[in-house]
Amino acid sequence: MANMISDETMEYVGILAKLELSDEEREQAKKDMEQMLDYIDMLNTLNTDGVEPMSHIFPIHNVFREDVVENDDEHEKILANAPAAKDGAFKVPKTVE
């Protein structure tokens, strides 16, 4: 185990995470974090030359359509359906006193 986490670091992490850990839980979390850091160190030693970086495991292509306006300005037709209109907008009863 090359990575050692100090008790001060664990206390700081507990404060940041807003955790109240018992001494046993703090020791277990410390061991777990050390194991995670060791695993990351092991991954950093792997040869990744020629490996293309990816953002997702599956090939994803943009499936969104182009944002094109397909209808005309139907403002007047929409307001024709309103029970009441004023200044080009729907007129509704006052709801706040």
PDB file of N, CA and C in Angstrom:
ATOM      1  N   MET A   1       0.833  -1.172   0.000  1.00  0.00           N
ATOM      2  CA  MET A   1       0.000   0.000   0.000  1.00  0.00           C
ATOM      3  C   MET A   1       0.881   1.238   0.000  1.00  0.00           C
ATOM      4  N   ALA A   2       0.919   1.947  -1.095  1.00  0.00           N
ATOM      5  CA  ALA A   2       1.782   3.113  -1.216  1.00  0.00           C
ATOM      6  C   ALA A   2       1.099   4.384  -0.724  1.00  0.00           C
ATOM      7  N   ASN A   3      -0.207   4.446  -0.839  1.00  0.00           N
ATOM      8  CA  ASN A   3      -0.928   5.649  -0.454  1.00  0.00           C
ATOM      9  C   ASN A   3      -1.387   5.558   0.994  1.00  0.00           C
ATOM     10  N   MET A   4      -0.943   6.516   1.787  1.00  0.00           N
ATOM     11  CA  MET A   4      -1.353   6.575   3.187  1.00  0.00           C
ATOM     12  C   MET A   4      -2.117   7.883   3.387  1.00  0.00           C
ATOM     13  N   ILE A   5      -3.277   7.778   3.975  1.00  0.00           N
ATOM     14  CA  ILE A   5      -4.106   8.950   4.231  1.00  0.00           C
ATOM     15  C   ILE A   5      -4.005   9.276   5.712  1.00  0.00           C
ATOM     16  N   SER A   6      -3.742  10.530   6.013  1.00  0.00           N
ATOM     17  CA  SER A   6      -3.583  10.936   7.413  1.00  0.00           C
ATOM     18  C   SER A   6      -4.942  11.102   8.080  1.00  0.00           C
ATOM     19  N   ASP A   7      -4.924  11.086   9.396  1.00  0.00           N
ATOM     20  CA  ASP A   7      -6.158  11.282  10.153  1.00  0.00           C
ATOM     21  C   ASP A   7      -6.719  12.685   9.914  1.00  0.00           C
ATOM     22  N   GLU A   8      -5.829  13.675   9.719  1.00  0.00           N
ATOM     23  CA  GLU A   8      -6.282  15.039   9.453  1.00  0.00           C
ATOM     24  C   GLU A   8      -7.032  15.109   8.121  1.00  0.00           C
ATOM     25  N   THR A   9      -6.518  14.377   7.139  1.00  0.00           N
ATOM     26  CA  THR A   9      -7.184  14.350   5.831  1.00  0.00           C
ATOM     27  C   THR A   9      -8.554  13.707   5.948  1.00  0.00           C
ATOM     28  N   MET A  10      -8.643  12.628   6.714  1.00  0.00           N
ATOM     29  CA  MET A  10      -9.940  11.962   6.900  1.00  0.00           C
ATOM     30  C   MET A  10     -10.924  12.878   7.619  1.00  0.00           C
ATOM     31  N   GLU A  11     -10.441  13.627   8.593  1.00  0.00           N
ATOM     32  CA  GLU A  11     -11.318  14.559   9.312  1.00  0.00           C
ATOM     33  C   GLU A  11     -11.797  15.655   8.373  1.00  0.00           C
ATOM     34  N   TYR A  12     -10.887  16.150   7.514  1.00  0.00           N
ATOM     35  CA  TYR A  12     -11.243  17.188   6.545  1.00  0.00           C
ATOM     36  C   TYR A  12     -12.279  16.659   5.548  1.00  0.00           C
ATOM     37  N   VAL A  13     -12.079  15.448   5.061  1.00  0.00           N
ATOM     38  CA  VAL A  13     -13.039  14.844   4.134  1.00  0.00           C
ATOM     39  C   VAL A  13     -14.394  14.674   4.821  1.00  0.00           C
ATOM     40  N   GLY A  14     -14.379  14.271   6.093  1.00  0.00           N
ATOM     41  CA  GLY A  14     -15.620  14.133   6.839  1.00  0.00           C
ATOM     42  C   GLY A  14     -16.352  15.453   6.977  1.00  0.00           C
ATOM     43  N   ILE A  15     -15.598  16.535   7.189  1.00  0.00           N
ATOM     44  CA  ILE A  15     -16.219  17.858   7.284  1.00  0.00           C
ATOM     45  C   ILE A  15     -16.816  18.259   5.946  1.00  0.00           C
ATOM     46  N   LEU A  16     -16.058  18.050   4.864  1.00  0.00           N
ATOM     47  CA  LEU A  16     -16.557  18.406   3.535  1.00  0.00           C
ATOM     48  C   LEU A  16     -17.812  17.617   3.168  1.00  0.00           C
ATOM     49  N   ALA A  17     -17.816  16.327   3.527  1.00  0.00           N
ATOM     50  CA  ALA A  17     -18.949  15.469   3.186  1.00  0.00           C
ATOM     51  C   ALA A  17     -20.064  15.560   4.217  1.00  0.00           C
ATOM     52  N   LYS A  18     -19.836  16.344   5.287  1.00  0.00           N
ATOM     53  CA  LYS A  18     -20.812  16.494   6.368  1.00  0.00           C
ATOM     54  C   LYS A  18     -21.190  15.138   6.957  1.00  0.00           C
ATOM     55  N   LEU A  19     -20.145  14.339   7.241  1.00  0.00           N
ATOM     56  CA  LEU A  19     -20.331  13.009   7.813  1.00  0.00           C
ATOM     57  C   LEU A  19     -19.867  12.996   9.256  1.00  0.00           C
ATOM     58  N   GLU A  20     -20.613  12.302  10.081  1.00  0.00           N
ATOM     59  CA  GLU A  20     -20.185  12.049  11.446  1.00  0.00           C
ATOM     60  C   GLU A  20     -19.893  10.559  11.537  1.00  0.00           C
ATOM     61  N   LEU A  21     -18.613  10.204  11.540  1.00  0.00           N
ATOM     62  CA  LEU A  21     -18.214   8.807  11.531  1.00  0.00           C
ATOM     63  C   LEU A  21     -17.660   8.414  12.894  1.00  0.00           C
ATOM     64  N   SER A  22     -17.965   7.193  13.284  1.00  0.00           N
ATOM     65  CA  SER A  22     -17.351   6.660  14.493  1.00  0.00           C
ATOM     66  C   SER A  22     -15.893   6.335  14.177  1.00  0.00           C
ATOM     67  N   ASP A  23     -15.112   6.016  15.196  1.00  0.00           N
ATOM     68  CA  ASP A  23     -13.703   5.696  14.972  1.00  0.00           C
ATOM     69  C   ASP A  23     -13.550   4.484  14.062  1.00  0.00           C
ATOM     70  N   GLU A  24     -14.417   3.478  14.243  1.00  0.00           N
ATOM     71  CA  GLU A  24     -14.343   2.283  13.400  1.00  0.00           C
ATOM     72  C   GLU A  24     -14.695   2.623  11.953  1.00  0.00           C
ATOM     73  N   GLU A  25     -15.744   3.419  11.768  1.00  0.00           N
ATOM     74  CA  GLU A  25     -16.157   3.804  10.419  1.00  0.00           C
ATOM     75  C   GLU A  25     -15.078   4.660   9.749  1.00  0.00           C
ATOM     76  N   ARG A  26     -14.438   5.539  10.515  1.00  0.00           N
ATOM     77  CA  ARG A  26     -13.389   6.392   9.973  1.00  0.00           C
ATOM     78  C   ARG A  26     -12.198   5.544   9.509  1.00  0.00           C
ATOM     79  N   GLU A  27     -11.824   4.542  10.302  1.00  0.00           N
ATOM     80  CA  GLU A  27     -10.715   3.663   9.924  1.00  0.00           C
ATOM     81  C   GLU A  27     -11.047   2.855   8.681  1.00  0.00           C
ATOM     82  N   GLN A  28     -12.286   2.361   8.608  1.00  0.00           N
ATOM     83  CA  GLN A  28     -12.700   1.590   7.429  1.00  0.00           C
ATOM     84  C   GLN A  28     -12.720   2.483   6.187  1.00  0.00           C
ATOM     85  N   ALA A  29     -13.231   3.702   6.323  1.00  0.00           N
ATOM     86  CA  ALA A  29     -13.255   4.632   5.191  1.00  0.00           C
ATOM     87  C   ALA A  29     -11.837   4.974   4.765  1.00  0.00           C
ATOM     88  N   LYS A  30     -10.941   5.118   5.729  1.00  0.00           N
ATOM     89  CA  LYS A  30      -9.540   5.419   5.432  1.00  0.00           C
ATOM     90  C   LYS A  30      -8.915   4.286   4.623  1.00  0.00           C
ATOM     91  N   LYS A  31      -9.161   3.039   5.038  1.00  0.00           N
ATOM     92  CA  LYS A  31      -8.640   1.882   4.296  1.00  0.00           C
ATOM     93  C   LYS A  31      -9.220   1.828   2.885  1.00  0.00           C
ATOM     94  N   ASP A  32     -10.532   2.078   2.777  1.00  0.00           N
ATOM     95  CA  ASP A  32     -11.181   2.052   1.465  1.00  0.00           C
ATOM     96  C   ASP A  32     -10.597   3.113   0.540  1.00  0.00           C
ATOM     97  N   MET A  33     -10.390   4.318   1.069  1.00  0.00           N
ATOM     98  CA  MET A  33      -9.826   5.393   0.242  1.00  0.00           C
ATOM     99  C   MET A  33      -8.395   5.072  -0.176  1.00  0.00           C
ATOM    100  N   GLU A  34      -7.624   4.483   0.714  1.00  0.00           N
ATOM    101  CA  GLU A  34      -6.257   4.093   0.368  1.00  0.00           C
ATOM    102  C   GLU A  34      -6.263   3.038  -0.734  1.00  0.00           C
ATOM    103  N   GLN A  35      -7.199   2.079  -0.651  1.00  0.00           N
ATOM    104  CA  GLN A  35      -7.303   1.057  -1.696  1.00  0.00           C
ATOM    105  C   GLN A  35      -7.700   1.682  -3.031  1.00  0.00           C
ATOM    106  N   MET A  36      -8.610   2.660  -3.000  1.00  0.00           N
ATOM    107  CA  MET A  36      -9.010   3.330  -4.239  1.00  0.00           C
ATOM    108  C   MET A  36      -7.831   4.059  -4.862  1.00  0.00           C
ATOM    109  N   LEU A  37      -7.067   4.757  -4.049  1.00  0.00           N
ATOM    110  CA  LEU A  37      -5.908   5.481  -4.566  1.00  0.00           C
ATOM    111  C   LEU A  37      -4.860   4.518  -5.113  1.00  0.00           C
ATOM    112  N   ASP A  38      -4.670   3.379  -4.460  1.00  0.00           N
ATOM    113  CA  ASP A  38      -3.739   2.372  -4.972  1.00  0.00           C
ATOM    114  C   ASP A  38      -4.210   1.839  -6.319  1.00  0.00           C
ATOM    115  N   TYR A  39      -5.499   1.616  -6.453  1.00  0.00           N
ATOM    116  CA  TYR A  39      -6.047   1.119  -7.717  1.00  0.00           C
ATOM    117  C   TYR A  39      -5.861   2.158  -8.826  1.00  0.00           C
ATOM    118  N   ILE A  40      -6.071   3.423  -8.505  1.00  0.00           N
ATOM    119  CA  ILE A  40      -5.858   4.482  -9.492  1.00  0.00           C
ATOM    120  C   ILE A  40      -4.398   4.527  -9.905  1.00  0.00           C
ATOM    121  N   ASP A  41      -3.487   4.372  -8.947  1.00  0.00           N
ATOM    122  CA  ASP A  41      -2.060   4.333  -9.276  1.00  0.00           C
ATOM    123  C   ASP A  41      -1.752   3.167 -10.211  1.00  0.00           C
ATOM    124  N   MET A  42      -2.380   2.023  -9.957  1.00  0.00           N
ATOM    125  CA  MET A  42      -2.170   0.859 -10.818  1.00  0.00           C
ATOM    126  C   MET A  42      -2.696   1.148 -12.232  1.00  0.00           C
ATOM    127  N   LEU A  43      -3.844   1.801 -12.340  1.00  0.00           N
ATOM    128  CA  LEU A  43      -4.387   2.144 -13.659  1.00  0.00           C
ATOM    129  C   LEU A  43      -3.483   3.129 -14.386  1.00  0.00           C
ATOM    130  N   ASN A  44      -2.849   4.022 -13.638  1.00  0.00           N
ATOM    131  CA  ASN A  44      -1.951   5.004 -14.262  1.00  0.00           C
ATOM    132  C   ASN A  44      -0.700   4.363 -14.854  1.00  0.00           C
ATOM    133  N   THR A  45      -0.364   3.163 -14.422  1.00  0.00           N
ATOM    134  CA  THR A  45       0.821   2.495 -14.957  1.00  0.00           C
ATOM    135  C   THR A  45       0.537   1.779 -16.274  1.00  0.00           C
ATOM    136  N   LEU A  46      -0.722   1.609 -16.642  1.00  0.00           N
ATOM    137  CA  LEU A  46      -1.074   0.900 -17.870  1.00  0.00           C
ATOM    138  C   LEU A  46      -0.659   1.700 -19.096  1.00  0.00           C
ATOM    139  N   ASN A  47      -0.251   0.992 -20.142  1.00  0.00           N
ATOM    140  CA  ASN A  47       0.135   1.615 -21.403  1.00  0.00           C
ATOM    141  C   ASN A  47      -1.135   1.919 -22.192  1.00  0.00           C
ATOM    142  N   THR A  48      -1.395   3.181 -22.403  1.00  0.00           N
ATOM    143  CA  THR A  48      -2.586   3.576 -23.151  1.00  0.00           C
ATOM    144  C   THR A  48      -2.228   4.241 -24.472  1.00  0.00           C
ATOM    145  N   ASP A  49      -1.013   4.019 -24.945  1.00  0.00           N
ATOM    146  CA  ASP A  49      -0.618   4.587 -26.233  1.00  0.00           C
ATOM    147  C   ASP A  49      -1.496   4.018 -27.334  1.00  0.00           C
ATOM    148  N   GLY A  50      -1.994   4.876 -28.183  1.00  0.00           N
ATOM    149  CA  GLY A  50      -2.825   4.441 -29.297  1.00  0.00           C
ATOM    150  C   GLY A  50      -4.274   4.179 -28.919  1.00  0.00           C
ATOM    151  N   VAL A  51      -4.630   4.397 -27.667  1.00  0.00           N
ATOM    152  CA  VAL A  51      -6.025   4.206 -27.247  1.00  0.00           C
ATOM    153  C   VAL A  51      -6.737   5.542 -27.371  1.00  0.00           C
ATOM    154  N   GLU A  52      -7.776   5.548 -28.155  1.00  0.00           N
ATOM    155  CA  GLU A  52      -8.536   6.761 -28.417  1.00  0.00           C
ATOM    156  C   GLU A  52      -9.384   7.115 -27.191  1.00  0.00           C
ATOM    157  N   PRO A  53      -9.303   8.350 -26.680  1.00  0.00           N
ATOM    158  CA  PRO A  53     -10.158   8.737 -25.544  1.00  0.00           C
ATOM    159  C   PRO A  53     -11.619   8.683 -25.943  1.00  0.00           C
ATOM    160  N   MET A  54     -12.470   8.318 -25.005  1.00  0.00           N
ATOM    161  CA  MET A  54     -13.896   8.257 -25.313  1.00  0.00           C
ATOM    162  C   MET A  54     -14.701   8.867 -24.174  1.00  0.00           C
ATOM    163  N   SER A  55     -15.855   9.356 -24.530  1.00  0.00           N
ATOM    164  CA  SER A  55     -16.733   9.938 -23.522  1.00  0.00           C
ATOM    165  C   SER A  55     -17.835   8.964 -23.140  1.00  0.00           C
ATOM    166  N   HIS A  56     -18.002   7.903 -23.925  1.00  0.00           N
ATOM    167  CA  HIS A  56     -19.056   6.930 -23.657  1.00  0.00           C
ATOM    168  C   HIS A  56     -18.611   5.579 -24.181  1.00  0.00           C
ATOM    169  N   ILE A  57     -19.107   4.522 -23.567  1.00  0.00           N
ATOM    170  CA  ILE A  57     -18.685   3.178 -23.951  1.00  0.00           C
ATOM    171  C   ILE A  57     -19.214   2.785 -25.337  1.00  0.00           C
ATOM    172  N   PHE A  58     -20.381   3.312 -25.709  1.00  0.00           N
ATOM    173  CA  PHE A  58     -20.969   2.997 -27.007  1.00  0.00           C
ATOM    174  C   PHE A  58     -20.750   4.160 -27.963  1.00  0.00           C
ATOM    175  N   PRO A  59     -20.634   3.879 -29.252  1.00  0.00           N
ATOM    176  CA  PRO A  59     -20.506   4.997 -30.201  1.00  0.00           C
ATOM    177  C   PRO A  59     -21.826   5.765 -30.272  1.00  0.00           C
ATOM    178  N   ILE A  60     -21.748   7.034 -30.011  1.00  0.00           N
ATOM    179  CA  ILE A  60     -22.957   7.864 -30.002  1.00  0.00           C
ATOM    180  C   ILE A  60     -22.807   8.946 -31.062  1.00  0.00           C
ATOM    181  N   HIS A  61     -23.852   9.123 -31.811  1.00  0.00           N
ATOM    182  CA  HIS A  61     -23.878  10.163 -32.826  1.00  0.00           C
ATOM    183  C   HIS A  61     -25.012  11.115 -32.506  1.00  0.00           C
ATOM    184  N   ASN A  62     -24.877  12.340 -32.921  1.00  0.00           N
ATOM    185  CA  ASN A  62     -25.924  13.323 -32.682  1.00  0.00           C
ATOM    186  C   ASN A  62     -27.168  12.925 -33.477  1.00  0.00           C
ATOM    187  N   VAL A  63     -28.242  12.628 -32.765  1.00  0.00           N
ATOM    188  CA  VAL A  63     -29.467  12.189 -33.416  1.00  0.00           C
ATOM    189  C   VAL A  63     -30.509  13.294 -33.456  1.00  0.00           C
ATOM    190  N   PHE A  64     -30.129  14.484 -33.025  1.00  0.00           N
ATOM    191  CA  PHE A  64     -31.082  15.587 -33.014  1.00  0.00           C
ATOM    192  C   PHE A  64     -31.233  16.151 -34.415  1.00  0.00           C
ATOM    193  N   ARG A  65     -32.428  16.527 -34.714  1.00  0.00           N
ATOM    194  CA  ARG A  65     -32.684  17.138 -36.009  1.00  0.00           C
ATOM    195  C   ARG A  65     -32.277  18.597 -35.966  1.00  0.00           C
ATOM    196  N   GLU A  66     -32.133  19.177 -37.104  1.00  0.00           N
ATOM    197  CA  GLU A  66     -31.822  20.592 -37.201  1.00  0.00           C
ATOM    198  C   GLU A  66     -33.027  21.387 -36.701  1.00  0.00           C
ATOM    199  N   ASP A  67     -32.794  22.407 -35.937  1.00  0.00           N
ATOM    200  CA  ASP A  67     -33.877  23.209 -35.377  1.00  0.00           C
ATOM    201  C   ASP A  67     -34.326  24.232 -36.413  1.00  0.00           C
ATOM    202  N   VAL A  68     -35.389  23.873 -37.129  1.00  0.00           N
ATOM    203  CA  VAL A  68     -35.886  24.712 -38.205  1.00  0.00           C
ATOM    204  C   VAL A  68     -37.345  25.038 -37.916  1.00  0.00           C
ATOM    205  N   VAL A  69     -37.714  26.301 -38.033  1.00  0.00           N
ATOM    206  CA  VAL A  69     -39.105  26.713 -37.847  1.00  0.00           C
ATOM    207  C   VAL A  69     -39.908  26.212 -39.035  1.00  0.00           C
ATOM    208  N   GLU A  70     -40.971  25.464 -38.752  1.00  0.00           N
ATOM    209  CA  GLU A  70     -41.747  24.863 -39.831  1.00  0.00           C
ATOM    210  C   GLU A  70     -43.126  25.480 -39.996  1.00  0.00           C
ATOM    211  N   ASN A  71     -43.529  26.330 -39.058  1.00  0.00           N
ATOM    212  CA  ASN A  71     -44.838  26.945 -39.189  1.00  0.00           C
ATOM    213  C   ASN A  71     -44.684  28.460 -39.221  1.00  0.00           C
ATOM    214  N   ASP A  72     -45.702  29.100 -39.741  1.00  0.00           N
ATOM    215  CA  ASP A  72     -45.678  30.552 -39.818  1.00  0.00           C
ATOM    216  C   ASP A  72     -46.105  31.145 -38.488  1.00  0.00           C
ATOM    217  N   ASP A  73     -46.112  32.456 -38.431  1.00  0.00           N
ATOM    218  CA  ASP A  73     -46.587  33.150 -37.244  1.00  0.00           C
ATOM    219  C   ASP A  73     -48.101  33.009 -37.188  1.00  0.00           C
ATOM    220  N   GLU A  74     -48.587  32.206 -36.284  1.00  0.00           N
ATOM    221  CA  GLU A  74     -50.023  31.952 -36.163  1.00  0.00           C
ATOM    222  C   GLU A  74     -50.583  32.634 -34.922  1.00  0.00           C
ATOM    223  N   HIS A  75     -49.985  33.761 -34.585  1.00  0.00           N
ATOM    224  CA  HIS A  75     -50.365  34.490 -33.388  1.00  0.00           C
ATOM    225  C   HIS A  75     -51.863  34.845 -33.385  1.00  0.00           C
ATOM    226  N   GLU A  76     -52.330  35.357 -34.491  1.00  0.00           N
ATOM    227  CA  GLU A  76     -53.737  35.773 -34.572  1.00  0.00           C
ATOM    228  C   GLU A  76     -54.678  34.574 -34.475  1.00  0.00           C
ATOM    229  N   LYS A  77     -54.318  33.449 -35.104  1.00  0.00           N
ATOM    230  CA  LYS A  77     -55.171  32.257 -35.030  1.00  0.00           C
ATOM    231  C   LYS A  77     -55.242  31.727 -33.605  1.00  0.00           C
ATOM    232  N   ILE A  78     -54.114  31.789 -32.889  1.00  0.00           N
ATOM    233  CA  ILE A  78     -54.096  31.296 -31.516  1.00  0.00           C
ATOM    234  C   ILE A  78     -54.937  32.198 -30.629  1.00  0.00           C
ATOM    235  N   LEU A  79     -54.796  33.515 -30.785  1.00  0.00           N
ATOM    236  CA  LEU A  79     -55.579  34.440 -29.969  1.00  0.00           C
ATOM    237  C   LEU A  79     -57.063  34.376 -30.300  1.00  0.00           C
ATOM    238  N   ALA A  80     -57.407  33.911 -31.475  1.00  0.00           N
ATOM    239  CA  ALA A  80     -58.825  33.782 -31.841  1.00  0.00           C
ATOM    240  C   ALA A  80     -59.510  32.730 -30.971  1.00  0.00           C
ATOM    241  N   ASN A  81     -58.760  31.777 -30.447  1.00  0.00           N
ATOM    242  CA  ASN A  81     -59.334  30.738 -29.591  1.00  0.00           C
ATOM    243  C   ASN A  81     -59.473  31.183 -28.134  1.00  0.00           C
ATOM    244  N   ALA A  82     -58.870  32.297 -27.786  1.00  0.00           N
ATOM    245  CA  ALA A  82     -58.898  32.752 -26.397  1.00  0.00           C
ATOM    246  C   ALA A  82     -60.253  33.346 -26.063  1.00  0.00           C
ATOM    247  N   PRO A  83     -60.739  33.109 -24.834  1.00  0.00           N
ATOM    248  CA  PRO A  83     -62.011  33.731 -24.443  1.00  0.00           C
ATOM    249  C   PRO A  83     -61.898  35.248 -24.382  1.00  0.00           C
ATOM    250  N   ALA A  84     -60.675  35.744 -24.032  1.00  0.00           N
ATOM    251  CA  ALA A  84     -60.465  37.188 -24.003  1.00  0.00           C
ATOM    252  C   ALA A  84     -59.000  37.465 -24.327  1.00  0.00           C
ATOM    253  N   ALA A  85     -58.783  38.559 -25.053  1.00  0.00           N
ATOM    254  CA  ALA A  85     -57.413  38.937 -25.408  1.00  0.00           C
ATOM    255  C   ALA A  85     -57.263  40.436 -25.222  1.00  0.00           C
ATOM    256  N   LYS A  86     -56.021  40.837 -24.885  1.00  0.00           N
ATOM    257  CA  LYS A  86     -55.753  42.263 -24.711  1.00  0.00           C
ATOM    258  C   LYS A  86     -54.308  42.518 -25.117  1.00  0.00           C
ATOM    259  N   ASP A  87     -54.074  43.484 -25.954  1.00  0.00           N
ATOM    260  CA  ASP A  87     -52.738  43.880 -26.406  1.00  0.00           C
ATOM    261  C   ASP A  87     -51.937  42.702 -26.959  1.00  0.00           C
ATOM    262  N   GLY A  88     -52.603  41.818 -27.694  1.00  0.00           N
ATOM    263  CA  GLY A  88     -51.912  40.705 -28.334  1.00  0.00           C
ATOM    264  C   GLY A  88     -51.553  39.570 -27.400  1.00  0.00           C
ATOM    265  N   ALA A  89     -52.204  39.483 -26.228  1.00  0.00           N
ATOM    266  CA  ALA A  89     -51.922  38.414 -25.270  1.00  0.00           C
ATOM    267  C   ALA A  89     -53.239  37.913 -24.686  1.00  0.00           C
ATOM    268  N   PHE A  90     -53.179  36.747 -24.054  1.00  0.00           N
ATOM    269  CA  PHE A  90     -54.361  36.208 -23.394  1.00  0.00           C
ATOM    270  C   PHE A  90     -54.704  37.093 -22.204  1.00  0.00           C
ATOM    271  N   LYS A  91     -55.981  37.359 -22.021  1.00  0.00           N
ATOM    272  CA  LYS A  91     -56.439  38.137 -20.871  1.00  0.00           C
ATOM    273  C   LYS A  91     -57.039  37.139 -19.878  1.00  0.00           C
ATOM    274  N   VAL A  92     -56.500  37.145 -18.657  1.00  0.00           N
ATOM    275  CA  VAL A  92     -56.969  36.207 -17.631  1.00  0.00           C
ATOM    276  C   VAL A  92     -57.379  36.993 -16.398  1.00  0.00           C
ATOM    277  N   PRO A  93     -58.197  36.369 -15.540  1.00  0.00           N
ATOM    278  CA  PRO A  93     -58.597  37.066 -14.321  1.00  0.00           C
ATOM    279  C   PRO A  93     -57.408  37.309 -13.406  1.00  0.00           C
ATOM    280  N   LYS A  94     -57.464  38.374 -12.637  1.00  0.00           N
ATOM    281  CA  LYS A  94     -56.409  38.696 -11.689  1.00  0.00           C
ATOM    282  C   LYS A  94     -56.379  37.620 -10.612  1.00  0.00           C
ATOM    283  N   THR A  95     -55.174  37.118 -10.309  1.00  0.00           N
ATOM    284  CA  THR A  95     -55.060  36.033  -9.344  1.00  0.00           C
ATOM    285  C   THR A  95     -54.376  36.458  -8.049  1.00  0.00           C
ATOM    286  N   VAL A  96     -53.725  37.618  -8.048  1.00  0.00           N
ATOM    287  CA  VAL A  96     -53.027  38.086  -6.853  1.00  0.00           C
ATOM    288  C   VAL A  96     -53.599  39.441  -6.477  1.00  0.00           C
ATOM    289  N   GLU A  97     -53.863  39.628  -5.212  1.00  0.00           N
ATOM    290  CA  GLU A  97     -54.404  40.907  -4.740  1.00  0.00           C
ATOM    291  C   GLU A  97     -53.282  41.849  -4.427  1.00  0.00           C
TER     292      GLU A  97
END
